[in-house]
Structure formats: structure tokens, C-alpha cells
Amino acid sequence: MVFIFPIILMMVYLNGSAFTYVLIYLTFGVIGYLITKSILKIKSSKNN
């Protein structure tokens, strides 16, 4: 949910030109999320 607010702000202030930045931002956000999720999964499996 945190990712949605900056996107709305960017769309309002920068209009159409912001769309590419939004896509890049989302892509990095998803990649970062998946990386942290996999790291947490590895850590939890090591603890068990």
C-alpha cells in the first residue's frame, strides 16, 4: 500500500510524463520486495 501514494502524487504533479517513472519505480519496488521476501524465507528456514 505504501507504493500507491507516491504514484498518485507523481501522476498529479507530472501528468503523463511521470508514467515511465512510475513503471520504473514499481519495477524496482517489486524486485526489492521479492528480494527481501526471499531473504526472510532463507533466514527463517535456517533458524528451523
Protein backbone atom coordinates (compact mmCIF):
# COMPACT_ATOMS: atom_id res chain seq x y z
CA MET A 1 0.00 0.00 0.00
CA VAL A 2 2.96 2.34 0.64
CA PHE A 3 3.82 2.36 -3.08
CA ILE A 4 0.42 3.76 -4.13
CA PHE A 5 0.73 7.22 -2.55
CA PRO A 6 3.91 8.41 -4.36
CA ILE A 7 2.45 7.15 -7.65
CA ILE A 8 -0.71 9.23 -7.17
CA LEU A 9 1.41 12.27 -6.27
CA MET A 10 3.62 11.75 -9.33
CA MET A 11 0.60 11.36 -11.62
CA VAL A 12 -0.94 14.57 -10.25
CA TYR A 13 2.20 16.73 -10.45
CA LEU A 14 3.93 15.36 -13.56
CA ASN A 15 0.91 14.03 -15.53
CA GLY A 16 1.69 11.69 -18.47
CA SER A 17 5.47 12.08 -18.39
CA ALA A 18 5.51 10.50 -14.94
CA PHE A 19 4.16 7.21 -16.27
CA THR A 20 7.59 5.87 -17.27
CA TYR A 21 8.99 6.83 -13.87
CA VAL A 22 6.05 5.12 -12.19
CA LEU A 23 6.74 1.92 -14.14
CA ILE A 24 10.43 2.04 -13.20
CA TYR A 25 9.54 2.81 -9.57
CA LEU A 26 7.08 -0.09 -9.42
CA THR A 27 9.54 -2.47 -11.07
CA PHE A 28 12.25 -1.68 -8.52
CA GLY A 29 9.68 -1.85 -5.72
CA VAL A 30 8.54 -5.32 -6.77
CA ILE A 31 12.13 -6.54 -7.23
CA GLY A 32 13.11 -5.19 -3.80
CA TYR A 33 10.04 -6.77 -2.25
CA LEU A 34 10.78 -10.17 -3.79
CA ILE A 35 14.44 -9.98 -2.71
CA THR A 36 13.54 -9.14 0.89
CA LYS A 37 10.88 -11.84 0.91
CA SER A 38 13.33 -14.48 -0.33
CA ILE A 39 15.97 -13.33 2.18
CA LEU A 40 13.45 -13.62 5.02
CA LYS A 41 12.44 -17.07 3.76
CA ILE A 42 16.09 -18.21 3.73
CA LYS A 43 16.66 -16.79 7.23
CA SER A 44 13.55 -18.46 8.65
CA SER A 45 14.47 -21.82 7.08
CA LYS A 46 17.98 -21.58 8.59
CA ASN A 47 16.52 -20.93 12.04
CA ASN A 48 14.33 -24.03 11.83
